[in-house]
């Protein structure tokens, strides 16, 4: 299975039963473009770990949100400004402090 991003794992939880109802398939893994590294609504467990435990298959991500923000600090616009300024990075860090696993 391939998905663009995982936040709380809601889309995966909705899609898997629909897939199994329509076709005789076995999902053996999930590849994400981005892992937002957020926890589930009901615990401090990461959404990725919760999906792995619930469905019994591995989840792989191409990148996670921390890697993206880190890289964005080193990539510059034409005028030399980093794409991810210190203010943006601080806001992202505060968000992850609250919602991150």
PDB file of N, CA and C in Angstrom:
ATOM      1  N   UNK A   1       0.857  -1.161   0.000  1.00  0.00           N
ATOM      2  CA  UNK A   1       0.000   0.000   0.000  1.00  0.00           C
ATOM      3  C   UNK A   1       0.907   1.229   0.000  1.00  0.00           C
ATOM      4  N   UNK A   2       0.496   2.277  -0.689  1.00  0.00           N
ATOM      5  CA  UNK A   2       1.267   3.514  -0.764  1.00  0.00           C
ATOM      6  C   UNK A   2       0.352   4.666  -0.359  1.00  0.00           C
ATOM      7  N   UNK A   3       0.872   5.570   0.472  1.00  0.00           N
ATOM      8  CA  UNK A   3       0.107   6.742   0.899  1.00  0.00           C
ATOM      9  C   UNK A   3       1.040   7.944   0.916  1.00  0.00           C
ATOM     10  N   UNK A   4       0.470   9.120   0.778  1.00  0.00           N
ATOM     11  CA  UNK A   4       1.307  10.315   0.727  1.00  0.00           C
ATOM     12  C   UNK A   4       1.847  10.705   2.093  1.00  0.00           C
ATOM     13  N   UNK A   5       1.006  10.692   3.111  1.00  0.00           N
ATOM     14  CA  UNK A   5       1.416  11.160   4.426  1.00  0.00           C
ATOM     15  C   UNK A   5       0.613  10.440   5.498  1.00  0.00           C
ATOM     16  N   UNK A   6       1.223  10.250   6.659  1.00  0.00           N
ATOM     17  CA  UNK A   6       0.474   9.698   7.781  1.00  0.00           C
ATOM     18  C   UNK A   6       0.499  10.711   8.907  1.00  0.00           C
ATOM     19  N   UNK A   7      -0.702  11.025   9.377  1.00  0.00           N
ATOM     20  CA  UNK A   7      -0.832  11.885  10.543  1.00  0.00           C
ATOM     21  C   UNK A   7      -1.242  11.011  11.713  1.00  0.00           C
ATOM     22  N   UNK A   8      -2.506  10.613  11.768  1.00  0.00           N
ATOM     23  CA  UNK A   8      -2.985   9.761  12.861  1.00  0.00           C
ATOM     24  C   UNK A   8      -3.247   8.329  12.405  1.00  0.00           C
ATOM     25  N   UNK A   9      -3.097   8.050  11.114  1.00  0.00           N
ATOM     26  CA  UNK A   9      -3.343   6.711  10.599  1.00  0.00           C
ATOM     27  C   UNK A   9      -4.791   6.452  10.224  1.00  0.00           C
ATOM     28  N   UNK A  10      -5.608   7.481  10.222  1.00  0.00           N
ATOM     29  CA  UNK A  10      -7.036   7.337   9.952  1.00  0.00           C
ATOM     30  C   UNK A  10      -7.302   6.787   8.556  1.00  0.00           C
ATOM     31  N   UNK A  11      -6.632   7.309   7.554  1.00  0.00           N
ATOM     32  CA  UNK A  11      -6.867   6.868   6.174  1.00  0.00           C
ATOM     33  C   UNK A  11      -6.574   5.380   6.016  1.00  0.00           C
ATOM     34  N   UNK A  12      -5.489   4.916   6.610  1.00  0.00           N
ATOM     35  CA  UNK A  12      -5.132   3.496   6.522  1.00  0.00           C
ATOM     36  C   UNK A  12      -6.209   2.643   7.175  1.00  0.00           C
ATOM     37  N   UNK A  13      -6.680   3.074   8.326  1.00  0.00           N
ATOM     38  CA  UNK A  13      -7.720   2.322   9.037  1.00  0.00           C
ATOM     39  C   UNK A  13      -9.031   2.277   8.253  1.00  0.00           C
ATOM     40  N   UNK A  14      -9.282   3.269   7.438  1.00  0.00           N
ATOM     41  CA  UNK A  14     -10.488   3.276   6.609  1.00  0.00           C
ATOM     42  C   UNK A  14     -10.304   2.459   5.336  1.00  0.00           C
ATOM     43  N   UNK A  15      -9.120   2.498   4.751  1.00  0.00           N
ATOM     44  CA  UNK A  15      -8.879   1.856   3.462  1.00  0.00           C
ATOM     45  C   UNK A  15      -8.718   0.343   3.566  1.00  0.00           C
ATOM     46  N   UNK A  16      -8.013  -0.144   4.565  1.00  0.00           N
ATOM     47  CA  UNK A  16      -7.729  -1.585   4.668  1.00  0.00           C
ATOM     48  C   UNK A  16      -9.014  -2.414   4.647  1.00  0.00           C
ATOM     49  N   UNK A  17     -10.017  -2.130   5.479  1.00  0.00           N
ATOM     50  CA  UNK A  17     -11.248  -2.929   5.418  1.00  0.00           C
ATOM     51  C   UNK A  17     -11.950  -2.843   4.058  1.00  0.00           C
ATOM     52  N   UNK A  18     -11.922  -1.685   3.427  1.00  0.00           N
ATOM     53  CA  UNK A  18     -12.547  -1.532   2.108  1.00  0.00           C
ATOM     54  C   UNK A  18     -11.812  -2.358   1.064  1.00  0.00           C
ATOM     55  N   UNK A  19     -10.492  -2.343   1.113  1.00  0.00           N
ATOM     56  CA  UNK A  19      -9.694  -3.155   0.193  1.00  0.00           C
ATOM     57  C   UNK A  19     -10.017  -4.634   0.346  1.00  0.00           C
ATOM     58  N   UNK A  20     -10.042  -5.089   1.578  1.00  0.00           N
ATOM     59  CA  UNK A  20     -10.298  -6.507   1.839  1.00  0.00           C
ATOM     60  C   UNK A  20     -11.721  -6.906   1.480  1.00  0.00           C
ATOM     61  N   UNK A  21     -12.664  -5.978   1.563  1.00  0.00           N
ATOM     62  CA  UNK A  21     -14.049  -6.269   1.195  1.00  0.00           C
ATOM     63  C   UNK A  21     -14.214  -6.388  -0.321  1.00  0.00           C
ATOM     64  N   UNK A  22     -13.375  -5.680  -1.076  1.00  0.00           N
ATOM     65  CA  UNK A  22     -13.500  -5.655  -2.532  1.00  0.00           C
ATOM     66  C   UNK A  22     -12.634  -6.691  -3.246  1.00  0.00           C
ATOM     67  N   UNK A  23     -11.547  -7.083  -2.632  1.00  0.00           N
ATOM     68  CA  UNK A  23     -10.611  -7.982  -3.310  1.00  0.00           C
ATOM     69  C   UNK A  23      -9.933  -8.888  -2.294  1.00  0.00           C
ATOM     70  N   UNK A  24      -9.507 -10.026  -2.770  1.00  0.00           N
ATOM     71  CA  UNK A  24      -8.790 -10.972  -1.923  1.00  0.00           C
ATOM     72  C   UNK A  24      -7.309 -10.577  -1.925  1.00  0.00           C
ATOM     73  N   UNK A  25      -6.974  -9.585  -1.102  1.00  0.00           N
ATOM     74  CA  UNK A  25      -5.606  -9.084  -1.063  1.00  0.00           C
ATOM     75  C   UNK A  25      -5.045  -9.187   0.347  1.00  0.00           C
ATOM     76  N   UNK A  26      -3.743  -9.285   0.400  1.00  0.00           N
ATOM     77  CA  UNK A  26      -3.042  -9.226   1.676  1.00  0.00           C
ATOM     78  C   UNK A  26      -2.091  -8.038   1.605  1.00  0.00           C
ATOM     79  N   UNK A  27      -2.284  -7.085   2.467  1.00  0.00           N
ATOM     80  CA  UNK A  27      -1.387  -5.935   2.524  1.00  0.00           C
ATOM     81  C   UNK A  27      -0.161  -6.363   3.318  1.00  0.00           C
ATOM     82  N   UNK A  28       1.010  -6.229   2.702  1.00  0.00           N
ATOM     83  CA  UNK A  28       2.238  -6.686   3.348  1.00  0.00           C
ATOM     84  C   UNK A  28       3.112  -5.539   3.837  1.00  0.00           C
ATOM     85  N   UNK A  29       2.696  -4.309   3.552  1.00  0.00           N
ATOM     86  CA  UNK A  29       3.467  -3.167   4.009  1.00  0.00           C
ATOM     87  C   UNK A  29       2.848  -1.875   3.522  1.00  0.00           C
ATOM     88  N   UNK A  30       3.346  -0.799   4.072  1.00  0.00           N
ATOM     89  CA  UNK A  30       2.880   0.536   3.713  1.00  0.00           C
ATOM     90  C   UNK A  30       4.097   1.424   3.500  1.00  0.00           C
ATOM     91  N   UNK A  31       4.117   2.143   2.386  1.00  0.00           N
ATOM     92  CA  UNK A  31       5.171   3.109   2.100  1.00  0.00           C
ATOM     93  C   UNK A  31       4.543   4.498   2.110  1.00  0.00           C
ATOM     94  N   UNK A  32       5.134   5.380   2.892  1.00  0.00           N
ATOM     95  CA  UNK A  32       4.664   6.758   3.003  1.00  0.00           C
ATOM     96  C   UNK A  32       5.669   7.700   2.366  1.00  0.00           C
ATOM     97  N   UNK A  33       5.177   8.762   1.774  1.00  0.00           N
ATOM     98  CA  UNK A  33       6.088   9.829   1.363  1.00  0.00           C
ATOM     99  C   UNK A  33       6.632  10.511   2.607  1.00  0.00           C
ATOM    100  N   UNK A  34       5.715  10.868   3.544  1.00  0.00           N
ATOM    101  CA  UNK A  34       6.111  11.610   4.738  1.00  0.00           C
ATOM    102  C   UNK A  34       5.448  11.038   5.982  1.00  0.00           C
ATOM    103  N   UNK A  35       6.249  10.796   6.997  1.00  0.00           N
ATOM    104  CA  UNK A  35       5.752  10.460   8.333  1.00  0.00           C
ATOM    105  C   UNK A  35       5.758  11.758   9.131  1.00  0.00           C
ATOM    106  N   UNK A  36       4.578  12.214   9.530  1.00  0.00           N
ATOM    107  CA  UNK A  36       4.497  13.462  10.299  1.00  0.00           C
ATOM    108  C   UNK A  36       4.915  13.268  11.752  1.00  0.00           C
ATOM    109  N   UNK A  37       5.185  12.036  12.144  1.00  0.00           N
ATOM    110  CA  UNK A  37       5.708  11.707  13.477  1.00  0.00           C
ATOM    111  C   UNK A  37       4.750  12.123  14.596  1.00  0.00           C
ATOM    112  N   UNK A  38       3.460  11.993  14.328  1.00  0.00           N
ATOM    113  CA  UNK A  38       2.476  12.377  15.331  1.00  0.00           C
ATOM    114  C   UNK A  38       2.004  11.163  16.108  1.00  0.00           C
ATOM    115  N   UNK A  39       1.538  11.434  17.314  1.00  0.00           N
ATOM    116  CA  UNK A  39       1.012  10.365  18.159  1.00  0.00           C
ATOM    117  C   UNK A  39      -0.466  10.146  17.848  1.00  0.00           C
ATOM    118  N   UNK A  40      -0.970   9.007  18.284  1.00  0.00           N
ATOM    119  CA  UNK A  40      -2.386   8.718  18.114  1.00  0.00           C
ATOM    120  C   UNK A  40      -3.201   9.587  19.061  1.00  0.00           C
ATOM    121  N   UNK A  41      -4.502   9.653  18.805  1.00  0.00           N
ATOM    122  CA  UNK A  41      -5.372  10.487  19.641  1.00  0.00           C
ATOM    123  C   UNK A  41      -5.399  10.030  21.090  1.00  0.00           C
ATOM    124  N   UNK A  42      -5.327   8.719  21.295  1.00  0.00           N
ATOM    125  CA  UNK A  42      -5.566   8.154  22.622  1.00  0.00           C
ATOM    126  C   UNK A  42      -4.317   7.795  23.410  1.00  0.00           C
ATOM    127  N   UNK A  43      -3.129   8.011  22.843  1.00  0.00           N
ATOM    128  CA  UNK A  43      -1.914   7.624  23.565  1.00  0.00           C
ATOM    129  C   UNK A  43      -0.726   8.427  23.052  1.00  0.00           C
ATOM    130  N   UNK A  44       0.432   8.156  23.617  1.00  0.00           N
ATOM    131  CA  UNK A  44       1.667   8.782  23.153  1.00  0.00           C
ATOM    132  C   UNK A  44       2.388   7.922  22.123  1.00  0.00           C
ATOM    133  N   UNK A  45       1.761   6.822  21.709  1.00  0.00           N
ATOM    134  CA  UNK A  45       2.328   5.942  20.695  1.00  0.00           C
ATOM    135  C   UNK A  45       2.285   6.638  19.341  1.00  0.00           C
ATOM    136  N   UNK A  46       3.341   6.492  18.563  1.00  0.00           N
ATOM    137  CA  UNK A  46       3.340   7.101  17.233  1.00  0.00           C
ATOM    138  C   UNK A  46       2.289   6.421  16.362  1.00  0.00           C
ATOM    139  N   UNK A  47       1.715   7.190  15.450  1.00  0.00           N
ATOM    140  CA  UNK A  47       0.706   6.644  14.546  1.00  0.00           C
ATOM    141  C   UNK A  47       1.290   5.504  13.717  1.00  0.00           C
ATOM    142  N   UNK A  48       2.543   5.642  13.297  1.00  0.00           N
ATOM    143  CA  UNK A  48       3.191   4.587  12.518  1.00  0.00           C
ATOM    144  C   UNK A  48       3.284   3.298  13.328  1.00  0.00           C
ATOM    145  N   UNK A  49       3.760   3.380  14.555  1.00  0.00           N
ATOM    146  CA  UNK A  49       3.879   2.184  15.401  1.00  0.00           C
ATOM    147  C   UNK A  49       2.510   1.575  15.687  1.00  0.00           C
ATOM    148  N   UNK A  50       1.504   2.413  15.879  1.00  0.00           N
ATOM    149  CA  UNK A  50       0.152   1.914  16.147  1.00  0.00           C
ATOM    150  C   UNK A  50      -0.399   1.155  14.942  1.00  0.00           C
ATOM    151  N   UNK A  51      -0.185   1.674  13.737  1.00  0.00           N
ATOM    152  CA  UNK A  51      -0.648   0.995  12.524  1.00  0.00           C
ATOM    153  C   UNK A  51       0.107  -0.316  12.338  1.00  0.00           C
ATOM    154  N   UNK A  52       1.415  -0.303  12.568  1.00  0.00           N
ATOM    155  CA  UNK A  52       2.192  -1.547  12.464  1.00  0.00           C
ATOM    156  C   UNK A  52       1.655  -2.604  13.423  1.00  0.00           C
ATOM    157  N   UNK A  53       1.376  -2.210  14.649  1.00  0.00           N
ATOM    158  CA  UNK A  53       0.875  -3.160  15.652  1.00  0.00           C
ATOM    159  C   UNK A  53      -0.531  -3.641  15.310  1.00  0.00           C
ATOM    160  N   UNK A  54      -1.373  -2.737  14.862  1.00  0.00           N
ATOM    161  CA  UNK A  54      -2.769  -3.086  14.576  1.00  0.00           C
ATOM    162  C   UNK A  54      -2.910  -4.012  13.375  1.00  0.00           C
ATOM    163  N   UNK A  55      -2.135  -3.762  12.322  1.00  0.00           N
ATOM    164  CA  UNK A  55      -2.305  -4.520  11.087  1.00  0.00           C
ATOM    165  C   UNK A  55      -1.224  -5.566  10.847  1.00  0.00           C
ATOM    166  N   UNK A  56      -0.135  -5.509  11.601  1.00  0.00           N
ATOM    167  CA  UNK A  56       0.889  -6.537  11.491  1.00  0.00           C
ATOM    168  C   UNK A  56       1.775  -6.434  10.264  1.00  0.00           C
ATOM    169  N   UNK A  57       1.894  -5.260   9.691  1.00  0.00           N
ATOM    170  CA  UNK A  57       2.825  -5.080   8.575  1.00  0.00           C
ATOM    171  C   UNK A  57       3.705  -3.864   8.844  1.00  0.00           C
ATOM    172  N   UNK A  58       4.884  -3.832   8.206  1.00  0.00           N
ATOM    173  CA  UNK A  58       5.794  -2.703   8.437  1.00  0.00           C
ATOM    174  C   UNK A  58       5.351  -1.450   7.684  1.00  0.00           C
ATOM    175  N   UNK A  59       5.728  -0.304   8.229  1.00  0.00           N
ATOM    176  CA  UNK A  59       5.473   0.988   7.592  1.00  0.00           C
ATOM    177  C   UNK A  59       6.831   1.652   7.363  1.00  0.00           C
ATOM    178  N   UNK A  60       7.074   2.057   6.129  1.00  0.00           N
ATOM    179  CA  UNK A  60       8.317   2.724   5.759  1.00  0.00           C
ATOM    180  C   UNK A  60       7.986   4.124   5.253  1.00  0.00           C
ATOM    181  N   UNK A  61       8.815   5.088   5.594  1.00  0.00           N
ATOM    182  CA  UNK A  61       8.609   6.437   5.066  1.00  0.00           C
ATOM    183  C   UNK A  61       9.852   6.883   4.309  1.00  0.00           C
ATOM    184  N   UNK A  62       9.624   7.649   3.247  1.00  0.00           N
ATOM    185  CA  UNK A  62      10.730   8.204   2.482  1.00  0.00           C
ATOM    186  C   UNK A  62      11.438   9.270   3.313  1.00  0.00           C
ATOM    187  N   UNK A  63      10.646  10.066   4.032  1.00  0.00           N
ATOM    188  CA  UNK A  63      11.200  11.110   4.898  1.00  0.00           C
ATOM    189  C   UNK A  63      10.246  11.340   6.055  1.00  0.00           C
ATOM    190  N   UNK A  64      10.772  11.922   7.115  1.00  0.00           N
ATOM    191  CA  UNK A  64       9.886  12.321   8.206  1.00  0.00           C
ATOM    192  C   UNK A  64       9.940  13.841   8.342  1.00  0.00           C
ATOM    193  N   UNK A  65       9.010  14.364   9.090  1.00  0.00           N
ATOM    194  CA  UNK A  65       8.865  15.815   9.184  1.00  0.00           C
ATOM    195  C   UNK A  65      10.122  16.488   9.751  1.00  0.00           C
ATOM    196  N   UNK A  66      10.797  15.849  10.673  1.00  0.00           N
ATOM    197  CA  UNK A  66      12.021  16.448  11.222  1.00  0.00           C
ATOM    198  C   UNK A  66      13.108  16.555  10.155  1.00  0.00           C
ATOM    199  N   UNK A  67      13.242  15.511   9.339  1.00  0.00           N
ATOM    200  CA  UNK A  67      14.234  15.535   8.262  1.00  0.00           C
ATOM    201  C   UNK A  67      13.925  16.639   7.245  1.00  0.00           C
ATOM    202  N   UNK A  68      12.654  16.821   6.952  1.00  0.00           N
ATOM    203  CA  UNK A  68      12.256  17.840   5.979  1.00  0.00           C
ATOM    204  C   UNK A  68      12.567  19.242   6.498  1.00  0.00           C
ATOM    205  N   UNK A  69      12.219  19.504   7.757  1.00  0.00           N
ATOM    206  CA  UNK A  69      12.514  20.824   8.313  1.00  0.00           C
ATOM    207  C   UNK A  69      14.016  21.056   8.446  1.00  0.00           C
ATOM    208  N   UNK A  70      14.757  20.023   8.780  1.00  0.00           N
ATOM    209  CA  UNK A  70      16.214  20.151   8.870  1.00  0.00           C
ATOM    210  C   UNK A  70      16.800  20.495   7.501  1.00  0.00           C
ATOM    211  N   UNK A  71      16.389  19.761   6.476  1.00  0.00           N
ATOM    212  CA  UNK A  71      16.891  20.033   5.128  1.00  0.00           C
ATOM    213  C   UNK A  71      16.492  21.430   4.667  1.00  0.00           C
ATOM    214  N   UNK A  72      15.270  21.835   4.995  1.00  0.00           N
ATOM    215  CA  UNK A  72      14.778  23.145   4.585  1.00  0.00           C
ATOM    216  C   UNK A  72      15.559  24.303   5.168  1.00  0.00           C
ATOM    217  N   UNK A  73      16.246  24.070   6.282  1.00  0.00           N
ATOM    218  CA  UNK A  73      17.083  25.121   6.863  1.00  0.00           C
ATOM    219  C   UNK A  73      18.350  25.356   6.040  1.00  0.00           C
ATOM    220  N   UNK A  74      18.747  24.363   5.253  1.00  0.00           N
ATOM    221  CA  UNK A  74      19.984  24.449   4.482  1.00  0.00           C
ATOM    222  C   UNK A  74      19.750  24.764   3.012  1.00  0.00           C
ATOM    223  N   UNK A  75      18.498  24.725   2.580  1.00  0.00           N
ATOM    224  CA  UNK A  75      18.169  25.051   1.192  1.00  0.00           C
ATOM    225  C   UNK A  75      17.748  26.516   1.150  1.00  0.00           C
ATOM    226  N   UNK A  76      18.296  27.251   0.223  1.00  0.00           N
ATOM    227  CA  UNK A  76      18.086  28.706   0.171  1.00  0.00           C
ATOM    228  C   UNK A  76      17.263  29.119  -1.050  1.00  0.00           C
ATOM    229  N   UNK A  77      16.518  30.192  -0.879  1.00  0.00           N
ATOM    230  CA  UNK A  77      15.813  30.806  -2.000  1.00  0.00           C
ATOM    231  C   UNK A  77      16.828  31.579  -2.838  1.00  0.00           C
ATOM    232  N   UNK A  78      16.371  32.149  -3.943  1.00  0.00           N
ATOM    233  CA  UNK A  78      17.271  32.902  -4.827  1.00  0.00           C
ATOM    234  C   UNK A  78      17.935  34.072  -4.109  1.00  0.00           C
ATOM    235  N   UNK A  79      17.254  34.651  -3.124  1.00  0.00           N
ATOM    236  CA  UNK A  79      17.853  35.781  -2.400  1.00  0.00           C
ATOM    237  C   UNK A  79      18.664  35.352  -1.177  1.00  0.00           C
ATOM    238  N   UNK A  80      18.832  34.040  -0.993  1.00  0.00           N
ATOM    239  CA  UNK A  80      19.671  33.544   0.091  1.00  0.00           C
ATOM    240  C   UNK A  80      18.954  33.220   1.383  1.00  0.00           C
ATOM    241  N   UNK A  81      17.660  33.465   1.428  1.00  0.00           N
ATOM    242  CA  UNK A  81      16.878  33.169   2.630  1.00  0.00           C
ATOM    243  C   UNK A  81      16.625  31.665   2.715  1.00  0.00           C
ATOM    244  N   UNK A  82      16.807  31.068   3.880  1.00  0.00           N
ATOM    245  CA  UNK A  82      16.480  29.641   3.990  1.00  0.00           C
ATOM    246  C   UNK A  82      14.974  29.427   3.847  1.00  0.00           C
ATOM    247  N   UNK A  83      14.598  28.323   3.213  1.00  0.00           N
ATOM    248  CA  UNK A  83      13.178  28.002   3.095  1.00  0.00           C
ATOM    249  C   UNK A  83      12.550  27.827   4.468  1.00  0.00           C
ATOM    250  N   UNK A  84      13.287  27.224   5.363  1.00  0.00           N
ATOM    251  CA  UNK A  84      12.801  27.062   6.739  1.00  0.00           C
ATOM    252  C   UNK A  84      13.608  28.009   7.615  1.00  0.00           C
ATOM    253  N   UNK A  85      12.981  29.103   7.982  1.00  0.00           N
ATOM    254  CA  UNK A  85      13.627  30.092   8.844  1.00  0.00           C
ATOM    255  C   UNK A  85      13.625  29.593  10.285  1.00  0.00           C
ATOM    256  N   UNK A  86      14.343  30.270  11.138  1.00  0.00           N
ATOM    257  CA  UNK A  86      14.366  29.876  12.550  1.00  0.00           C
ATOM    258  C   UNK A  86      12.978  29.995  13.172  1.00  0.00           C
ATOM    259  N   UNK A  87      12.179  30.953  12.703  1.00  0.00           N
ATOM    260  CA  UNK A  87      10.816  31.106  13.222  1.00  0.00           C
ATOM    261  C   UNK A  87       9.938  29.920  12.827  1.00  0.00           C
ATOM    262  N   UNK A  88      10.051  29.500  11.567  1.00  0.00           N
ATOM    263  CA  UNK A  88       9.279  28.345  11.098  1.00  0.00           C
ATOM    264  C   UNK A  88       9.717  27.095  11.847  1.00  0.00           C
ATOM    265  N   UNK A  89      11.019  26.929  12.012  1.00  0.00           N
ATOM    266  CA  UNK A  89      11.542  25.752  12.726  1.00  0.00           C
ATOM    267  C   UNK A  89      11.056  25.739  14.167  1.00  0.00           C
ATOM    268  N   UNK A  90      11.046  26.889  14.823  1.00  0.00           N
ATOM    269  CA  UNK A  90      10.568  26.969  16.209  1.00  0.00           C
ATOM    270  C   UNK A  90       9.092  26.604  16.298  1.00  0.00           C
ATOM    271  N   UNK A  91       8.299  27.068  15.336  1.00  0.00           N
ATOM    272  CA  UNK A  91       6.871  26.730  15.323  1.00  0.00           C
ATOM    273  C   UNK A  91       6.670  25.233  15.089  1.00  0.00           C
ATOM    274  N   UNK A  92       7.450  24.653  14.190  1.00  0.00           N
ATOM    275  CA  UNK A  92       7.358  23.215  13.928  1.00  0.00           C
ATOM    276  C   UNK A  92       7.770  22.416  15.160  1.00  0.00           C
ATOM    277  N   UNK A  93       8.826  22.839  15.818  1.00  0.00           N
ATOM    278  CA  UNK A  93       9.272  22.157  17.036  1.00  0.00           C
ATOM    279  C   UNK A  93       8.208  22.226  18.128  1.00  0.00           C
ATOM    280  N   UNK A  94       7.563  23.383  18.266  1.00  0.00           N
ATOM    281  CA  UNK A  94       6.500  23.535  19.272  1.00  0.00           C
ATOM    282  C   UNK A  94       5.320  22.628  18.947  1.00  0.00           C
ATOM    283  N   UNK A  95       4.990  22.530  17.669  1.00  0.00           N
ATOM    284  CA  UNK A  95       3.898  21.650  17.241  1.00  0.00           C
ATOM    285  C   UNK A  95       4.226  20.199  17.583  1.00  0.00           C
ATOM    286  N   UNK A  96       5.447  19.778  17.251  1.00  0.00           N
ATOM    287  CA  UNK A  96       5.844  18.397  17.535  1.00  0.00           C
ATOM    288  C   UNK A  96       5.948  18.128  19.032  1.00  0.00           C
ATOM    289  N   UNK A  97       6.317  19.128  19.781  1.00  0.00           N
ATOM    290  CA  UNK A  97       6.359  18.963  21.238  1.00  0.00           C
ATOM    291  C   UNK A  97       4.965  18.630  21.768  1.00  0.00           C
ATOM    292  N   UNK A  98       3.969  19.237  21.166  1.00  0.00           N
ATOM    293  CA  UNK A  98       2.587  19.017  21.617  1.00  0.00           C
ATOM    294  C   UNK A  98       1.972  17.751  21.028  1.00  0.00           C
ATOM    295  N   UNK A  99       2.149  17.527  19.722  1.00  0.00           N
ATOM    296  CA  UNK A  99       1.455  16.441  19.036  1.00  0.00           C
ATOM    297  C   UNK A  99       2.360  15.291  18.604  1.00  0.00           C
ATOM    298  N   UNK A 100       3.667  15.471  18.693  1.00  0.00           N
ATOM    299  CA  UNK A 100       4.585  14.451  18.215  1.00  0.00           C
ATOM    300  C   UNK A 100       4.720  13.281  19.167  1.00  0.00           C
ATOM    301  N   UNK A 101       5.070  12.156  18.575  1.00  0.00           N
ATOM    302  CA  UNK A 101       5.258  10.939  19.375  1.00  0.00           C
ATOM    303  C   UNK A 101       6.689  10.856  19.855  1.00  0.00           C
TER     304      UNK A 101
END
